[in-house]
Amino acid sequence: MITKTMQGYPYNRIHSDSPLQLRLSEALVDILPHGSGINGSWIIDNPKTIENRFYAHNCFMAMNENGYYCHNYDFTLTIDFIPGSDRQVKCQYCEGRGYRFVFDIHKVHPVEMSGVEIVEFIEQRFSPVYKLDGRAVFNCNICNGKGYMVRHPFELIRLNFHGAKENMCCGYELKDYIYEIVDSALCELKGESI
């Protein structure tokens, strides 16, 4: 089955009736651009032993410093689907309160500012400061005052390079690069429609 967004990629044919597997394949195909080095076909399978887990296989085509392809690295991603009921997690910045204490900013970001300057800084960038139980607080700018954050529907658990060693001509830290671009691709996928 080929979804509408996959039509421009004839080599990515996901033979599945699973809506989750199709949505994952769309995320990987749509968001990862050509030029990322992941130019092969995505093969996505779903183990029968673990529900909502997917293995996505592909090949990374590395280039040397002169711009020539030098090595291919087969890799496998382990990706879990997070059901809607498990996506809400307590905001770690405000500890689930929905607001943060002004003077706790010093703990996270030590700054050389007076109390008045910190309040002005917060009011300019985040939200108005108000008093709560005699302490200056402001709405948490990370969770927008909700006290929780919503996880993305697909979470990258593991990247397996199948024992391949990174070659010096390709540049080191290829694993980190692949992990980072795939993770950012999955994070851009919104979960409301799943």
N, C-alpha and C. Protein backbone atom coordinates (compact mmCIF):
# COMPACT_ATOMS: atom_id res chain seq x y z
N MET A 1 0.85 -1.18 0.00
CA MET A 1 0.00 0.00 0.00
C MET A 1 0.89 1.24 0.00
N ILE A 2 0.58 2.20 -0.82
CA ILE A 2 1.34 3.45 -0.87
C ILE A 2 0.40 4.57 -0.48
N THR A 3 0.78 5.34 0.51
CA THR A 3 -0.05 6.47 0.90
C THR A 3 0.23 7.65 -0.02
N LYS A 4 -0.65 8.63 0.02
CA LYS A 4 -0.54 9.76 -0.89
C LYS A 4 0.81 10.46 -0.77
N THR A 5 1.28 10.65 0.47
CA THR A 5 2.52 11.39 0.66
C THR A 5 3.74 10.59 0.24
N MET A 6 3.58 9.30 0.01
CA MET A 6 4.72 8.47 -0.38
C MET A 6 4.84 8.32 -1.89
N GLN A 7 3.91 8.90 -2.65
CA GLN A 7 3.91 8.67 -4.10
C GLN A 7 5.16 9.18 -4.79
N GLY A 8 5.79 10.20 -4.23
CA GLY A 8 7.01 10.71 -4.84
C GLY A 8 8.22 9.84 -4.57
N TYR A 9 8.05 8.82 -3.78
CA TYR A 9 9.16 7.94 -3.40
C TYR A 9 8.81 6.51 -3.80
N PRO A 10 8.96 6.15 -5.06
CA PRO A 10 8.47 4.85 -5.51
C PRO A 10 9.17 3.67 -4.86
N TYR A 11 10.38 3.87 -4.34
CA TYR A 11 11.08 2.75 -3.74
C TYR A 11 10.65 2.49 -2.30
N ASN A 12 9.86 3.39 -1.71
CA ASN A 12 9.38 3.17 -0.35
C ASN A 12 7.95 2.63 -0.41
N ARG A 13 7.84 1.35 -0.52
CA ARG A 13 6.52 0.71 -0.56
C ARG A 13 6.35 -0.09 0.72
N ILE A 14 5.44 0.35 1.56
CA ILE A 14 5.19 -0.32 2.81
C ILE A 14 3.98 -1.22 2.61
N HIS A 15 4.17 -2.50 2.63
CA HIS A 15 3.08 -3.44 2.42
C HIS A 15 2.46 -3.75 3.77
N SER A 16 1.47 -2.96 4.14
CA SER A 16 0.87 -3.12 5.45
C SER A 16 -0.52 -2.53 5.46
N ASP A 17 -1.37 -3.11 6.29
CA ASP A 17 -2.68 -2.53 6.53
C ASP A 17 -2.74 -1.84 7.88
N SER A 18 -1.62 -1.84 8.60
CA SER A 18 -1.57 -1.24 9.93
C SER A 18 -1.50 0.28 9.80
N PRO A 19 -2.49 1.00 10.34
CA PRO A 19 -2.43 2.46 10.25
C PRO A 19 -1.21 3.05 10.96
N LEU A 20 -0.79 2.42 12.06
CA LEU A 20 0.38 2.92 12.77
C LEU A 20 1.64 2.76 11.94
N GLN A 21 1.77 1.61 11.29
CA GLN A 21 2.96 1.36 10.47
C GLN A 21 2.99 2.31 9.28
N LEU A 22 1.83 2.58 8.70
CA LEU A 22 1.76 3.52 7.58
C LEU A 22 2.09 4.94 8.03
N ARG A 23 1.61 5.32 9.21
CA ARG A 23 1.88 6.68 9.71
C ARG A 23 3.37 6.85 10.01
N LEU A 24 3.98 5.81 10.58
CA LEU A 24 5.41 5.86 10.85
C LEU A 24 6.20 5.96 9.56
N SER A 25 5.81 5.19 8.57
CA SER A 25 6.52 5.23 7.29
C SER A 25 6.39 6.60 6.65
N GLU A 26 5.21 7.22 6.76
CA GLU A 26 5.04 8.57 6.22
C GLU A 26 5.96 9.55 6.92
N ALA A 27 6.07 9.41 8.25
CA ALA A 27 6.93 10.32 9.00
C ALA A 27 8.37 10.19 8.55
N LEU A 28 8.84 8.98 8.39
CA LEU A 28 10.23 8.77 8.00
C LEU A 28 10.48 9.24 6.56
N VAL A 29 9.56 8.95 5.67
CA VAL A 29 9.74 9.31 4.26
C VAL A 29 9.58 10.81 4.05
N ASP A 30 8.59 11.42 4.68
CA ASP A 30 8.29 12.84 4.44
C ASP A 30 9.32 13.78 5.04
N ILE A 31 9.75 13.48 6.24
CA ILE A 31 10.54 14.46 6.97
C ILE A 31 12.02 14.33 6.69
N LEU A 32 12.49 13.12 6.46
CA LEU A 32 13.93 12.96 6.20
C LEU A 32 14.21 13.30 4.74
N PRO A 33 14.96 14.34 4.51
CA PRO A 33 15.16 14.80 3.13
C PRO A 33 16.26 14.02 2.41
N HIS A 34 16.24 14.12 1.09
CA HIS A 34 17.40 13.64 0.33
C HIS A 34 18.55 14.57 0.69
N GLY A 35 19.71 14.04 0.76
CA GLY A 35 20.85 14.81 1.21
C GLY A 35 21.17 14.53 2.66
N SER A 36 20.25 13.84 3.36
CA SER A 36 20.53 13.48 4.74
C SER A 36 21.49 12.30 4.80
N GLY A 37 21.63 11.60 3.68
CA GLY A 37 22.48 10.41 3.63
C GLY A 37 21.68 9.13 3.74
N ILE A 38 20.42 9.23 4.17
CA ILE A 38 19.54 8.06 4.25
C ILE A 38 18.78 8.01 2.93
N ASN A 39 19.35 7.31 1.96
CA ASN A 39 18.80 7.33 0.61
C ASN A 39 18.20 5.99 0.19
N GLY A 40 18.26 5.00 1.06
CA GLY A 40 17.75 3.68 0.70
C GLY A 40 16.25 3.57 0.95
N SER A 41 15.71 2.40 0.73
CA SER A 41 14.29 2.14 0.97
C SER A 41 14.08 1.80 2.44
N TRP A 42 13.01 2.30 2.99
CA TRP A 42 12.65 1.95 4.37
C TRP A 42 11.92 0.62 4.36
N ILE A 43 12.35 -0.27 5.20
CA ILE A 43 11.66 -1.53 5.42
C ILE A 43 11.25 -1.53 6.88
N ILE A 44 9.96 -1.55 7.13
CA ILE A 44 9.45 -1.44 8.49
C ILE A 44 8.71 -2.72 8.84
N ASP A 45 9.10 -3.34 9.94
CA ASP A 45 8.37 -4.52 10.38
C ASP A 45 7.99 -4.38 11.84
N ASN A 46 7.02 -5.18 12.21
CA ASN A 46 6.39 -5.10 13.52
C ASN A 46 6.50 -6.47 14.17
N PRO A 47 7.31 -6.61 15.25
CA PRO A 47 7.42 -7.93 15.87
C PRO A 47 6.11 -8.35 16.51
N LYS A 48 5.81 -9.61 16.42
CA LYS A 48 4.55 -10.10 16.99
C LYS A 48 4.61 -10.20 18.51
N THR A 49 5.82 -10.20 19.07
CA THR A 49 5.96 -10.40 20.51
C THR A 49 5.77 -9.12 21.31
N ILE A 50 6.03 -7.96 20.72
CA ILE A 50 5.91 -6.69 21.45
C ILE A 50 4.94 -5.78 20.71
N GLU A 51 3.84 -5.48 21.35
CA GLU A 51 2.83 -4.63 20.73
C GLU A 51 3.34 -3.19 20.63
N ASN A 52 3.01 -2.52 19.55
CA ASN A 52 3.37 -1.12 19.32
C ASN A 52 4.87 -0.88 19.21
N ARG A 53 5.63 -1.89 18.82
CA ARG A 53 7.06 -1.71 18.56
C ARG A 53 7.31 -1.96 17.07
N PHE A 54 8.21 -1.15 16.50
CA PHE A 54 8.53 -1.27 15.09
C PHE A 54 10.03 -1.29 14.91
N TYR A 55 10.46 -2.02 13.91
CA TYR A 55 11.86 -2.00 13.50
C TYR A 55 11.91 -1.41 12.10
N ALA A 56 12.66 -0.35 11.92
CA ALA A 56 12.80 0.31 10.62
C ALA A 56 14.23 0.13 10.15
N HIS A 57 14.39 -0.48 8.98
CA HIS A 57 15.72 -0.77 8.43
C HIS A 57 15.98 0.14 7.24
N ASN A 58 17.22 0.59 7.13
CA ASN A 58 17.62 1.39 5.98
C ASN A 58 19.15 1.36 5.89
N CYS A 59 19.66 2.15 4.96
CA CYS A 59 21.09 2.20 4.73
C CYS A 59 21.52 3.67 4.69
N PHE A 60 22.61 3.97 5.38
CA PHE A 60 23.16 5.32 5.36
C PHE A 60 24.34 5.33 4.40
N MET A 61 24.30 6.24 3.41
CA MET A 61 25.36 6.34 2.42
C MET A 61 26.26 7.51 2.81
N ALA A 62 27.45 7.18 3.30
CA ALA A 62 28.35 8.20 3.80
C ALA A 62 29.19 8.80 2.68
N MET A 63 29.57 10.04 2.87
CA MET A 63 30.43 10.73 1.91
C MET A 63 31.74 11.11 2.58
N ASN A 64 32.78 11.13 1.80
CA ASN A 64 34.05 11.58 2.35
C ASN A 64 34.14 13.11 2.19
N GLU A 65 35.25 13.67 2.59
CA GLU A 65 35.38 15.13 2.57
C GLU A 65 35.41 15.71 1.17
N ASN A 66 35.65 14.88 0.15
CA ASN A 66 35.64 15.35 -1.23
C ASN A 66 34.27 15.26 -1.89
N GLY A 67 33.27 14.75 -1.15
CA GLY A 67 31.92 14.67 -1.68
C GLY A 67 31.62 13.40 -2.44
N TYR A 68 32.45 12.38 -2.31
CA TYR A 68 32.21 11.10 -2.97
C TYR A 68 31.66 10.10 -1.97
N TYR A 69 30.71 9.27 -2.44
CA TYR A 69 30.21 8.20 -1.58
C TYR A 69 31.35 7.24 -1.29
N CYS A 70 31.50 6.88 -0.02
CA CYS A 70 32.62 6.00 0.32
C CYS A 70 32.18 4.71 0.99
N HIS A 71 31.20 4.74 1.88
CA HIS A 71 30.76 3.52 2.56
C HIS A 71 29.26 3.54 2.77
N ASN A 72 28.69 2.35 2.82
CA ASN A 72 27.28 2.20 3.17
C ASN A 72 27.19 1.53 4.53
N TYR A 73 26.30 2.02 5.36
CA TYR A 73 26.11 1.47 6.70
C TYR A 73 24.65 1.05 6.85
N ASP A 74 24.42 -0.25 6.97
CA ASP A 74 23.06 -0.72 7.26
C ASP A 74 22.77 -0.44 8.73
N PHE A 75 21.55 0.00 9.00
CA PHE A 75 21.17 0.25 10.39
C PHE A 75 19.71 -0.12 10.60
N THR A 76 19.38 -0.33 11.86
CA THR A 76 18.02 -0.64 12.26
C THR A 76 17.63 0.27 13.41
N LEU A 77 16.45 0.85 13.31
CA LEU A 77 15.90 1.69 14.38
C LEU A 77 14.85 0.89 15.13
N THR A 78 14.86 1.00 16.43
CA THR A 78 13.78 0.44 17.24
C THR A 78 12.93 1.61 17.68
N ILE A 79 11.66 1.59 17.28
CA ILE A 79 10.75 2.71 17.51
C ILE A 79 9.50 2.19 18.21
N ASP A 80 9.11 2.83 19.29
CA ASP A 80 7.89 2.47 20.02
C ASP A 80 6.81 3.51 19.75
N PHE A 81 5.58 3.03 19.61
CA PHE A 81 4.43 3.92 19.53
C PHE A 81 3.91 4.13 20.94
N ILE A 82 3.71 5.38 21.33
CA ILE A 82 3.21 5.70 22.66
C ILE A 82 1.71 5.98 22.55
N PRO A 83 0.85 5.13 23.13
CA PRO A 83 -0.60 5.36 23.06
C PRO A 83 -0.98 6.69 23.70
N GLY A 84 -2.11 7.24 23.27
CA GLY A 84 -2.56 8.55 23.73
C GLY A 84 -2.66 8.68 25.24
N SER A 85 -3.07 7.61 25.91
CA SER A 85 -3.25 7.68 27.37
C SER A 85 -1.92 7.81 28.11
N ASP A 86 -0.82 7.43 27.48
CA ASP A 86 0.49 7.48 28.14
C ASP A 86 1.33 8.67 27.71
N ARG A 87 0.78 9.56 26.90
CA ARG A 87 1.60 10.64 26.36
C ARG A 87 1.77 11.82 27.30
N GLN A 88 0.85 12.01 28.24
CA GLN A 88 0.98 13.15 29.15
C GLN A 88 2.00 12.81 30.24
N VAL A 89 3.01 13.66 30.34
CA VAL A 89 4.02 13.49 31.39
C VAL A 89 4.17 14.80 32.14
N LYS A 90 4.44 14.69 33.42
CA LYS A 90 4.58 15.87 34.27
C LYS A 90 5.73 16.73 33.77
N CYS A 91 5.50 18.02 33.69
CA CYS A 91 6.54 18.96 33.26
C CYS A 91 7.65 18.97 34.30
N GLN A 92 8.87 18.70 33.88
CA GLN A 92 9.98 18.64 34.83
C GLN A 92 10.46 20.03 35.25
N TYR A 93 10.10 21.05 34.49
CA TYR A 93 10.57 22.40 34.82
C TYR A 93 9.75 23.02 35.95
N CYS A 94 8.45 22.79 35.94
CA CYS A 94 7.61 23.36 37.00
C CYS A 94 7.14 22.29 37.97
N GLU A 95 7.59 21.05 37.77
CA GLU A 95 7.22 19.91 38.62
C GLU A 95 5.72 19.69 38.66
N GLY A 96 5.06 19.96 37.53
CA GLY A 96 3.62 19.69 37.40
C GLY A 96 2.72 20.76 37.97
N ARG A 97 3.28 21.86 38.46
CA ARG A 97 2.45 22.91 39.07
C ARG A 97 1.81 23.83 38.03
N GLY A 98 2.47 24.04 36.91
CA GLY A 98 1.98 24.99 35.92
C GLY A 98 2.59 26.37 36.07
N TYR A 99 3.30 26.58 37.16
CA TYR A 99 3.99 27.86 37.36
C TYR A 99 5.37 27.58 37.93
N ARG A 100 6.25 28.56 37.77
CA ARG A 100 7.62 28.45 38.26
C ARG A 100 7.91 29.64 39.17
N PHE A 101 8.77 29.41 40.14
CA PHE A 101 9.18 30.48 41.04
C PHE A 101 10.26 31.32 40.37
N VAL A 102 10.11 32.62 40.46
CA VAL A 102 11.04 33.54 39.80
C VAL A 102 12.47 33.29 40.25
N PHE A 103 12.68 33.13 41.54
CA PHE A 103 14.05 33.07 42.03
C PHE A 103 14.65 31.66 41.90
N ASP A 104 13.86 30.71 41.42
CA ASP A 104 14.42 29.40 41.07
C ASP A 104 15.17 29.46 39.75
N ILE A 105 15.00 30.56 39.01
CA ILE A 105 15.72 30.74 37.75
C ILE A 105 17.23 30.70 38.01
N HIS A 106 17.64 31.19 39.19
CA HIS A 106 19.06 31.18 39.54
C HIS A 106 19.63 29.77 39.58
N LYS A 107 18.80 28.80 39.98
CA LYS A 107 19.28 27.41 40.05
C LYS A 107 19.56 26.85 38.67
N VAL A 108 18.68 27.19 37.73
CA VAL A 108 18.81 26.66 36.38
C VAL A 108 19.78 27.48 35.55
N HIS A 109 19.62 28.80 35.60
CA HIS A 109 20.45 29.72 34.82
C HIS A 109 21.07 30.75 35.76
N PRO A 110 22.23 30.47 36.30
CA PRO A 110 22.85 31.47 37.18
C PRO A 110 23.15 32.75 36.40
N VAL A 111 22.54 33.84 36.81
CA VAL A 111 22.74 35.11 36.12
C VAL A 111 23.14 36.18 37.12
N GLU A 112 23.86 37.16 36.61
CA GLU A 112 24.28 38.29 37.44
C GLU A 112 23.28 39.42 37.26
N MET A 113 22.08 39.25 37.85
CA MET A 113 21.05 40.28 37.77
C MET A 113 20.44 40.48 39.14
N SER A 114 19.94 41.67 39.35
CA SER A 114 19.22 41.93 40.59
C SER A 114 17.81 41.32 40.48
N GLY A 115 17.11 41.28 41.60
CA GLY A 115 15.75 40.73 41.60
C GLY A 115 14.82 41.45 40.65
N VAL A 116 14.93 42.78 40.62
CA VAL A 116 14.07 43.59 39.73
C VAL A 116 14.40 43.28 38.27
N GLU A 117 15.68 43.16 37.95
CA GLU A 117 16.08 42.85 36.58
C GLU A 117 15.60 41.46 36.14
N ILE A 118 15.61 40.50 37.06
CA ILE A 118 15.11 39.16 36.73
C ILE A 118 13.63 39.21 36.43
N VAL A 119 12.87 39.94 37.25
CA VAL A 119 11.42 40.07 37.03
C VAL A 119 11.15 40.72 35.67
N GLU A 120 11.89 41.79 35.36
CA GLU A 120 11.71 42.46 34.06
C GLU A 120 12.06 41.52 32.91
N PHE A 121 13.13 40.77 33.07
CA PHE A 121 13.56 39.81 32.05
C PHE A 121 12.46 38.77 31.78
N ILE A 122 11.89 38.23 32.84
CA ILE A 122 10.84 37.21 32.70
C ILE A 122 9.60 37.82 32.07
N GLU A 123 9.21 39.01 32.49
CA GLU A 123 8.00 39.64 31.94
C GLU A 123 8.17 40.00 30.47
N GLN A 124 9.38 40.31 30.05
CA GLN A 124 9.62 40.62 28.64
C GLN A 124 9.56 39.37 27.77
N ARG A 125 10.07 38.26 28.28
CA ARG A 125 10.21 37.07 27.44
C ARG A 125 9.16 35.99 27.65
N PHE A 126 8.65 35.87 28.85
CA PHE A 126 7.76 34.75 29.15
C PHE A 126 6.33 35.20 29.45
N SER A 127 6.08 35.60 30.68
CA SER A 127 4.72 35.99 31.06
C SER A 127 4.79 36.89 32.28
N PRO A 128 3.68 37.54 32.61
CA PRO A 128 3.69 38.43 33.78
C PRO A 128 4.01 37.68 35.07
N VAL A 129 4.67 38.36 35.96
CA VAL A 129 5.01 37.80 37.27
C VAL A 129 3.91 38.21 38.24
N TYR A 130 3.46 37.26 39.06
CA TYR A 130 2.46 37.57 40.08
C TYR A 130 2.85 36.90 41.39
N LYS A 131 2.16 37.26 42.45
CA LYS A 131 2.48 36.73 43.79
C LYS A 131 1.58 35.54 44.08
N LEU A 132 2.19 34.53 44.68
CA LEU A 132 1.45 33.36 45.14
C LEU A 132 2.07 32.93 46.47
N ASP A 133 1.27 33.00 47.52
CA ASP A 133 1.76 32.68 48.87
C ASP A 133 3.02 33.47 49.22
N GLY A 134 3.04 34.74 48.82
CA GLY A 134 4.15 35.61 49.16
C GLY A 134 5.39 35.42 48.30
N ARG A 135 5.32 34.53 47.31
CA ARG A 135 6.48 34.31 46.43
C ARG A 135 6.14 34.73 45.01
N ALA A 136 7.13 35.28 44.31
CA ALA A 136 6.93 35.71 42.93
C ALA A 136 6.98 34.50 42.01
N VAL A 137 5.94 34.33 41.19
CA VAL A 137 5.85 33.20 40.27
C VAL A 137 5.44 33.69 38.89
N PHE A 138 5.64 32.84 37.89
CA PHE A 138 5.17 33.13 36.54
C PHE A 138 4.73 31.81 35.90
N ASN A 139 3.84 31.89 34.94
CA ASN A 139 3.37 30.69 34.27
C ASN A 139 4.53 30.00 33.58
N CYS A 140 4.59 28.69 33.72
CA CYS A 140 5.70 27.93 33.13
C CYS A 140 5.71 28.13 31.62
N ASN A 141 6.84 28.58 31.11
CA ASN A 141 6.95 28.83 29.68
C ASN A 141 7.20 27.55 28.88
N ILE A 142 7.52 26.45 29.54
CA ILE A 142 7.78 25.19 28.83
C ILE A 142 6.47 24.45 28.55
N CYS A 143 5.61 24.33 29.57
CA CYS A 143 4.34 23.61 29.38
C CYS A 143 3.17 24.56 29.19
N ASN A 144 3.44 25.86 29.11
CA ASN A 144 2.41 26.89 28.94
C ASN A 144 1.38 26.89 30.07
N GLY A 145 1.85 26.60 31.27
CA GLY A 145 0.98 26.66 32.45
C GLY A 145 0.10 25.44 32.66
N LYS A 146 0.24 24.41 31.82
CA LYS A 146 -0.62 23.22 31.95
C LYS A 146 -0.14 22.26 33.04
N GLY A 147 1.15 22.26 33.31
CA GLY A 147 1.68 21.34 34.31
C GLY A 147 2.11 20.00 33.73
N TYR A 148 1.82 19.79 32.47
CA TYR A 148 2.23 18.54 31.82
C TYR A 148 2.67 18.83 30.39
N MET A 149 3.39 17.90 29.83
CA MET A 149 3.81 17.99 28.44
C MET A 149 3.29 16.76 27.71
N VAL A 150 3.12 16.87 26.42
CA VAL A 150 2.62 15.75 25.63
C VAL A 150 3.77 15.16 24.84
N ARG A 151 4.04 13.90 25.07
CA ARG A 151 5.10 13.22 24.34
C ARG A 151 4.67 13.00 22.90
N HIS A 152 5.64 12.84 22.04
CA HIS A 152 5.35 12.56 20.64
C HIS A 152 4.92 11.11 20.49
N PRO A 153 4.13 10.81 19.47
CA PRO A 153 3.57 9.45 19.38
C PRO A 153 4.59 8.36 19.11
N PHE A 154 5.66 8.69 18.41
CA PHE A 154 6.68 7.69 18.14
C PHE A 154 7.97 8.08 18.84
N GLU A 155 8.56 7.14 19.55
CA GLU A 155 9.77 7.41 20.32
C GLU A 155 10.89 6.49 19.85
N LEU A 156 12.01 7.09 19.48
CA LEU A 156 13.17 6.33 19.03
C LEU A 156 13.87 5.74 20.25
N ILE A 157 13.91 4.42 20.32
CA ILE A 157 14.46 3.72 21.48
C ILE A 157 15.93 3.37 21.27
N ARG A 158 16.25 2.91 20.06
CA ARG A 158 17.61 2.39 19.86
C ARG A 158 17.99 2.49 18.39
N LEU A 159 19.28 2.67 18.15
CA LEU A 159 19.85 2.63 16.80
C LEU A 159 20.90 1.53 16.80
N ASN A 160 20.75 0.57 15.91
CA ASN A 160 21.69 -0.55 15.82
C ASN A 160 22.45 -0.43 14.50
N PHE A 161 23.74 -0.32 14.58
CA PHE A 161 24.62 -0.21 13.41
C PHE A 161 25.14 -1.57 12.97
N HIS A 162 24.64 -2.62 13.56
CA HIS A 162 24.99 -4.01 13.22
C HIS A 162 26.50 -4.26 13.30
N GLY A 163 27.12 -3.70 14.29
CA GLY A 163 28.54 -3.94 14.53
C GLY A 163 29.48 -3.21 13.60
N ALA A 164 28.96 -2.39 12.69
CA ALA A 164 29.84 -1.68 11.76
C ALA A 164 30.62 -0.59 12.50
N LYS A 165 31.88 -0.49 12.19
CA LYS A 165 32.73 0.56 12.75
C LYS A 165 32.71 1.75 11.79
N GLU A 166 32.67 2.95 12.35
CA GLU A 166 32.69 4.14 11.51
C GLU A 166 34.08 4.31 10.92
N ASN A 167 34.15 4.50 9.63
CA ASN A 167 35.43 4.68 8.96
C ASN A 167 35.87 6.14 9.04
N MET A 168 37.16 6.35 9.15
CA MET A 168 37.69 7.70 9.32
C MET A 168 37.34 8.61 8.15
N CYS A 169 37.31 8.06 6.93
CA CYS A 169 37.03 8.91 5.76
C CYS A 169 35.60 9.44 5.76
N CYS A 170 34.69 8.74 6.45
CA CYS A 170 33.28 9.17 6.49
C CYS A 170 33.05 10.20 7.59
N GLY A 171 33.99 10.28 8.51
CA GLY A 171 33.79 11.13 9.68
C GLY A 171 33.20 10.31 10.81
N TYR A 172 33.66 10.58 12.00
CA TYR A 172 33.13 9.87 13.15
C TYR A 172 31.80 10.49 13.59
N GLU A 173 31.15 9.86 14.53
CA GLU A 173 29.87 10.29 15.09
C GLU A 173 28.71 10.16 14.10
N LEU A 174 28.82 9.22 13.16
CA LEU A 174 27.70 8.97 12.24
C LEU A 174 26.48 8.47 13.00
N LYS A 175 26.70 7.62 13.99
CA LYS A 175 25.57 7.08 14.76
C LYS A 175 24.81 8.21 15.43
N ASP A 176 25.54 9.15 16.02
CA ASP A 176 24.87 10.28 16.67
C ASP A 176 24.10 11.12 15.66
N TYR A 177 24.69 11.32 14.50
CA TYR A 177 24.03 12.11 13.44
C TYR A 177 22.74 11.44 13.00
N ILE A 178 22.78 10.13 12.73
CA ILE A 178 21.58 9.41 12.29
C ILE A 178 20.52 9.45 13.39
N TYR A 179 20.94 9.18 14.61
CA TYR A 179 19.99 9.20 15.73
C TYR A 179 19.32 10.57 15.83
N GLU A 180 20.12 11.62 15.70
CA GLU A 180 19.59 12.97 15.85
C GLU A 180 18.59 13.34 14.76
N ILE A 181 18.91 13.03 13.50
CA ILE A 181 17.99 13.44 12.43
C ILE A 181 16.71 12.61 12.45
N VAL A 182 16.80 11.32 12.80
CA VAL A 182 15.59 10.51 12.88
C VAL A 182 14.74 10.94 14.07
N ASP A 183 15.38 11.20 15.20
CA ASP A 183 14.65 11.63 16.38
C ASP A 183 13.94 12.95 16.12
N SER A 184 14.60 13.89 15.45
CA SER A 184 13.95 15.16 15.16
C SER A 184 12.81 14.97 14.16
N ALA A 185 12.95 14.02 13.23
CA ALA A 185 11.86 13.74 12.29
C ALA A 185 10.65 13.21 13.02
N LEU A 186 10.85 12.31 13.97
CA LEU A 186 9.72 11.75 14.71
C LEU A 186 9.10 12.79 15.64
N CYS A 187 9.92 13.70 16.16
CA CYS A 187 9.41 14.74 17.05
C CYS A 187 8.55 15.76 16.32
N GLU A 188 8.76 15.91 15.03
CA GLU A 188 7.94 16.83 14.25
C GLU A 188 6.56 16.26 13.94
N LEU A 189 6.42 14.95 14.12
CA LEU A 189 5.14 14.31 13.83
C LEU A 189 4.19 14.56 14.97
N LYS A 190 3.06 15.16 14.68
CA LYS A 190 2.07 15.47 15.71
C LYS A 190 1.22 14.24 15.97
N GLY A 191 0.79 14.09 17.20
CA GLY A 191 0.08 12.87 17.59
C GLY A 191 -1.42 12.96 17.65
N GLU A 192 -2.00 14.14 17.42
CA GLU A 192 -3.44 14.28 17.58
C GLU A 192 -4.25 13.43 16.62
N SER A 193 -3.70 13.21 15.42
CA SER A 193 -4.45 12.48 14.40
C SER A 193 -4.29 10.97 14.50
N ILE A 194 -3.48 10.51 15.45
CA ILE A 194 -3.24 9.06 15.55
C ILE A 194 -4.10 8.46 16.63
